[in-house]
Amino acid sequence: MISLRERMEVKLRDAFASTDVQVIDESHKHAGHIVHEGGAPHGGETHFRVRIVSPAFAGKSRVERHRAVNALLAGDFAAGLHALALDLRAPGE
């Protein structure tokens, strides 16, 4: 079975045409949170740090970049993804 981290990485890489995508599972840092303790879906994968460098972000504000990623992952949020820390840049930034 493919992990949520792997699935997110593929979605982000495809959507933003980037080879520079990092999805880091930080769920272990949030083990005391109620969503984690309550038997979170995806094997406890709930909190991630995402770093992307993509030409798709050129000319976009920070808010626009975040909205694009959140919209792409809306289904994952509905299925139990709890939090993302985003570092989204265009090449050269």
N, C-alpha and C. Protein backbone atom coordinates (compact mmCIF):
# COMPACT_ATOMS: atom_id res chain seq x y z
N MET A 1 0.84 -1.19 0.00
CA MET A 1 0.00 0.00 0.00
C MET A 1 0.89 1.25 0.00
N ILE A 2 0.55 2.19 -0.82
CA ILE A 2 1.32 3.44 -0.92
C ILE A 2 0.98 4.35 0.27
N SER A 3 1.97 4.95 0.85
CA SER A 3 1.75 5.83 2.01
C SER A 3 1.16 7.16 1.56
N LEU A 4 0.58 7.86 2.48
CA LEU A 4 0.05 9.20 2.20
C LEU A 4 1.19 10.11 1.75
N ARG A 5 2.34 10.01 2.38
CA ARG A 5 3.48 10.84 2.00
C ARG A 5 3.85 10.62 0.53
N GLU A 6 3.92 9.36 0.13
CA GLU A 6 4.26 9.04 -1.26
C GLU A 6 3.19 9.54 -2.23
N ARG A 7 1.94 9.35 -1.87
CA ARG A 7 0.83 9.79 -2.72
C ARG A 7 0.83 11.31 -2.88
N MET A 8 1.06 12.01 -1.78
CA MET A 8 1.12 13.47 -1.85
C MET A 8 2.29 13.92 -2.72
N GLU A 9 3.42 13.28 -2.58
CA GLU A 9 4.60 13.65 -3.36
C GLU A 9 4.32 13.52 -4.86
N VAL A 10 3.68 12.44 -5.27
CA VAL A 10 3.34 12.24 -6.69
C VAL A 10 2.37 13.32 -7.16
N LYS A 11 1.33 13.59 -6.37
CA LYS A 11 0.35 14.63 -6.75
C LYS A 11 1.03 15.98 -6.92
N LEU A 12 1.86 16.35 -5.97
CA LEU A 12 2.52 17.66 -6.00
C LEU A 12 3.50 17.76 -7.16
N ARG A 13 4.26 16.71 -7.39
CA ARG A 13 5.24 16.69 -8.48
C ARG A 13 4.52 16.86 -9.82
N ASP A 14 3.42 16.13 -10.00
CA ASP A 14 2.66 16.20 -11.25
C ASP A 14 1.97 17.55 -11.43
N ALA A 15 1.32 18.02 -10.39
CA ALA A 15 0.53 19.26 -10.49
C ALA A 15 1.39 20.49 -10.72
N PHE A 16 2.58 20.51 -10.12
CA PHE A 16 3.42 21.71 -10.19
C PHE A 16 4.64 21.51 -11.08
N ALA A 17 4.65 20.43 -11.86
CA ALA A 17 5.71 20.16 -12.84
C ALA A 17 7.10 20.42 -12.25
N SER A 18 7.35 19.79 -11.11
CA SER A 18 8.60 20.03 -10.41
C SER A 18 9.29 18.73 -10.06
N THR A 19 10.60 18.71 -10.20
CA THR A 19 11.38 17.58 -9.73
C THR A 19 11.93 17.87 -8.34
N ASP A 20 11.73 19.10 -7.86
CA ASP A 20 12.23 19.49 -6.53
C ASP A 20 11.06 19.55 -5.55
N VAL A 21 10.62 18.36 -5.12
CA VAL A 21 9.50 18.23 -4.18
C VAL A 21 9.97 17.38 -3.01
N GLN A 22 9.78 17.88 -1.82
CA GLN A 22 10.09 17.11 -0.61
C GLN A 22 8.84 17.11 0.26
N VAL A 23 8.43 15.92 0.66
CA VAL A 23 7.32 15.77 1.60
C VAL A 23 7.88 15.02 2.80
N ILE A 24 7.93 15.70 3.93
CA ILE A 24 8.56 15.16 5.13
C ILE A 24 7.47 14.89 6.17
N ASP A 25 7.38 13.64 6.59
CA ASP A 25 6.39 13.25 7.60
C ASP A 25 6.88 13.68 8.98
N GLU A 26 6.16 14.58 9.60
CA GLU A 26 6.50 15.06 10.95
C GLU A 26 5.45 14.64 11.97
N SER A 27 4.68 13.63 11.62
CA SER A 27 3.59 13.18 12.51
C SER A 27 4.08 12.78 13.89
N HIS A 28 5.27 12.19 13.95
CA HIS A 28 5.81 11.75 15.24
C HIS A 28 6.00 12.91 16.22
N LYS A 29 6.15 14.12 15.70
CA LYS A 29 6.31 15.29 16.56
C LYS A 29 4.99 15.73 17.19
N HIS A 30 3.90 15.14 16.74
CA HIS A 30 2.57 15.56 17.19
C HIS A 30 1.81 14.39 17.80
N ALA A 31 2.53 13.45 18.36
CA ALA A 31 1.92 12.23 18.88
C ALA A 31 0.90 12.48 19.98
N GLY A 32 0.99 13.60 20.69
CA GLY A 32 0.04 13.89 21.76
C GLY A 32 -1.24 14.55 21.30
N HIS A 33 -1.30 14.95 20.04
CA HIS A 33 -2.50 15.62 19.54
C HIS A 33 -3.65 14.64 19.46
N ILE A 34 -4.82 15.13 19.72
CA ILE A 34 -6.01 14.28 19.75
C ILE A 34 -6.25 13.58 18.42
N VAL A 35 -5.98 14.25 17.30
CA VAL A 35 -6.21 13.62 16.00
C VAL A 35 -5.26 12.43 15.82
N HIS A 36 -4.07 12.53 16.36
CA HIS A 36 -3.09 11.44 16.26
C HIS A 36 -3.47 10.31 17.20
N GLU A 37 -3.87 10.65 18.41
CA GLU A 37 -4.23 9.64 19.41
C GLU A 37 -5.52 8.92 19.06
N GLY A 38 -6.39 9.56 18.31
CA GLY A 38 -7.70 8.98 18.00
C GLY A 38 -7.67 7.97 16.88
N GLY A 39 -6.53 7.42 16.57
CA GLY A 39 -6.48 6.43 15.51
C GLY A 39 -6.57 7.08 14.14
N ALA A 40 -5.68 8.00 13.90
CA ALA A 40 -5.69 8.74 12.64
C ALA A 40 -5.60 7.81 11.45
N PRO A 41 -6.28 8.17 10.37
CA PRO A 41 -6.17 7.38 9.14
C PRO A 41 -4.75 7.45 8.58
N HIS A 42 -4.51 6.70 7.54
CA HIS A 42 -3.22 6.70 6.84
C HIS A 42 -2.10 6.23 7.75
N GLY A 43 -2.37 5.33 8.68
CA GLY A 43 -1.31 4.82 9.53
C GLY A 43 -0.70 5.87 10.43
N GLY A 44 -1.47 6.88 10.81
CA GLY A 44 -0.98 7.92 11.70
C GLY A 44 -0.29 9.07 10.99
N GLU A 45 -0.30 9.07 9.66
CA GLU A 45 0.31 10.17 8.90
C GLU A 45 -0.65 11.36 8.91
N THR A 46 -0.30 12.39 9.68
CA THR A 46 -1.21 13.52 9.85
C THR A 46 -0.56 14.88 9.64
N HIS A 47 0.73 14.99 9.86
CA HIS A 47 1.44 16.27 9.83
C HIS A 47 2.66 16.18 8.90
N PHE A 48 2.75 17.13 7.97
CA PHE A 48 3.83 17.10 6.99
C PHE A 48 4.44 18.47 6.78
N ARG A 49 5.70 18.46 6.41
CA ARG A 49 6.41 19.65 5.94
C ARG A 49 6.62 19.42 4.45
N VAL A 50 6.21 20.40 3.63
CA VAL A 50 6.29 20.28 2.17
C VAL A 50 7.16 21.40 1.64
N ARG A 51 8.15 21.03 0.84
CA ARG A 51 9.02 22.01 0.18
C ARG A 51 8.95 21.75 -1.32
N ILE A 52 8.63 22.79 -2.07
CA ILE A 52 8.54 22.67 -3.53
C ILE A 52 9.20 23.89 -4.16
N VAL A 53 10.00 23.65 -5.18
CA VAL A 53 10.51 24.72 -6.04
C VAL A 53 9.92 24.43 -7.42
N SER A 54 9.11 25.36 -7.93
CA SER A 54 8.44 25.12 -9.19
C SER A 54 8.24 26.41 -9.97
N PRO A 55 8.41 26.36 -11.28
CA PRO A 55 8.10 27.53 -12.12
C PRO A 55 6.63 27.93 -12.02
N ALA A 56 5.78 27.00 -11.61
CA ALA A 56 4.35 27.30 -11.48
C ALA A 56 4.08 28.38 -10.42
N PHE A 57 5.04 28.59 -9.52
CA PHE A 57 4.86 29.58 -8.46
C PHE A 57 5.37 30.97 -8.85
N ALA A 58 6.01 31.08 -9.99
CA ALA A 58 6.54 32.38 -10.42
C ALA A 58 5.41 33.38 -10.58
N GLY A 59 5.60 34.56 -10.00
CA GLY A 59 4.60 35.62 -10.10
C GLY A 59 3.39 35.44 -9.20
N LYS A 60 3.37 34.41 -8.38
CA LYS A 60 2.25 34.15 -7.47
C LYS A 60 2.63 34.58 -6.06
N SER A 61 1.64 35.09 -5.35
CA SER A 61 1.87 35.48 -3.96
C SER A 61 1.96 34.23 -3.09
N ARG A 62 2.43 34.43 -1.88
CA ARG A 62 2.51 33.33 -0.92
C ARG A 62 1.13 32.71 -0.69
N VAL A 63 0.12 33.55 -0.58
CA VAL A 63 -1.25 33.07 -0.35
C VAL A 63 -1.74 32.25 -1.54
N GLU A 64 -1.47 32.73 -2.76
CA GLU A 64 -1.89 31.99 -3.95
C GLU A 64 -1.21 30.62 -4.02
N ARG A 65 0.04 30.58 -3.66
CA ARG A 65 0.78 29.31 -3.67
C ARG A 65 0.17 28.33 -2.66
N HIS A 66 -0.08 28.83 -1.46
CA HIS A 66 -0.65 27.97 -0.42
C HIS A 66 -2.04 27.49 -0.81
N ARG A 67 -2.84 28.36 -1.37
CA ARG A 67 -4.19 27.96 -1.80
C ARG A 67 -4.13 26.87 -2.86
N ALA A 68 -3.19 26.97 -3.78
CA ALA A 68 -3.06 25.97 -4.83
C ALA A 68 -2.73 24.59 -4.25
N VAL A 69 -1.82 24.55 -3.31
CA VAL A 69 -1.44 23.27 -2.68
C VAL A 69 -2.61 22.74 -1.84
N ASN A 70 -3.23 23.59 -1.06
CA ASN A 70 -4.36 23.15 -0.22
C ASN A 70 -5.52 22.64 -1.07
N ALA A 71 -5.79 23.29 -2.20
CA ALA A 71 -6.87 22.84 -3.09
C ALA A 71 -6.54 21.46 -3.67
N LEU A 72 -5.29 21.27 -4.06
CA LEU A 72 -4.87 19.99 -4.62
C LEU A 72 -5.02 18.86 -3.60
N LEU A 73 -4.76 19.15 -2.35
CA LEU A 73 -4.79 18.13 -1.30
C LEU A 73 -6.09 18.13 -0.49
N ALA A 74 -7.11 18.79 -0.98
CA ALA A 74 -8.39 18.90 -0.25
C ALA A 74 -8.95 17.53 0.11
N GLY A 75 -8.88 16.59 -0.79
CA GLY A 75 -9.38 15.25 -0.51
C GLY A 75 -8.61 14.56 0.60
N ASP A 76 -7.32 14.82 0.65
CA ASP A 76 -6.50 14.23 1.72
C ASP A 76 -6.83 14.87 3.07
N PHE A 77 -7.10 16.17 3.08
CA PHE A 77 -7.53 16.83 4.32
C PHE A 77 -8.86 16.23 4.79
N ALA A 78 -9.76 16.01 3.86
CA ALA A 78 -11.07 15.44 4.21
C ALA A 78 -10.92 14.02 4.76
N ALA A 79 -9.86 13.32 4.34
CA ALA A 79 -9.64 11.94 4.77
C ALA A 79 -8.74 11.79 5.99
N GLY A 80 -8.34 12.92 6.61
CA GLY A 80 -7.58 12.82 7.85
C GLY A 80 -6.26 13.55 7.91
N LEU A 81 -5.76 14.07 6.77
CA LEU A 81 -4.57 14.91 6.82
C LEU A 81 -4.89 16.10 7.71
N HIS A 82 -4.01 16.40 8.66
CA HIS A 82 -4.33 17.42 9.65
C HIS A 82 -3.60 18.74 9.44
N ALA A 83 -2.32 18.70 9.05
CA ALA A 83 -1.56 19.95 8.97
C ALA A 83 -0.41 19.85 7.97
N LEU A 84 -0.16 20.98 7.31
CA LEU A 84 0.98 21.12 6.41
C LEU A 84 1.76 22.37 6.78
N ALA A 85 3.07 22.25 6.77
CA ALA A 85 3.95 23.42 6.84
C ALA A 85 4.51 23.55 5.43
N LEU A 86 4.28 24.69 4.79
CA LEU A 86 4.63 24.83 3.37
C LEU A 86 5.77 25.82 3.14
N ASP A 87 6.71 25.39 2.32
CA ASP A 87 7.80 26.24 1.84
C ASP A 87 7.74 26.12 0.32
N LEU A 88 7.13 27.11 -0.34
CA LEU A 88 6.84 27.05 -1.77
C LEU A 88 7.57 28.19 -2.46
N ARG A 89 8.43 27.84 -3.42
CA ARG A 89 9.26 28.85 -4.07
C ARG A 89 9.29 28.63 -5.57
N ALA A 90 9.52 29.72 -6.28
CA ALA A 90 9.82 29.66 -7.71
C ALA A 90 11.33 29.52 -7.85
N PRO A 91 11.82 28.99 -8.96
CA PRO A 91 13.26 28.87 -9.16
C PRO A 91 13.94 30.24 -8.98
N GLY A 92 15.08 30.23 -8.31
CA GLY A 92 15.83 31.46 -8.09
C GLY A 92 15.45 32.22 -6.84
N GLU A 93 14.42 31.78 -6.16
CA GLU A 93 14.01 32.46 -4.92
C GLU A 93 14.74 31.87 -3.73
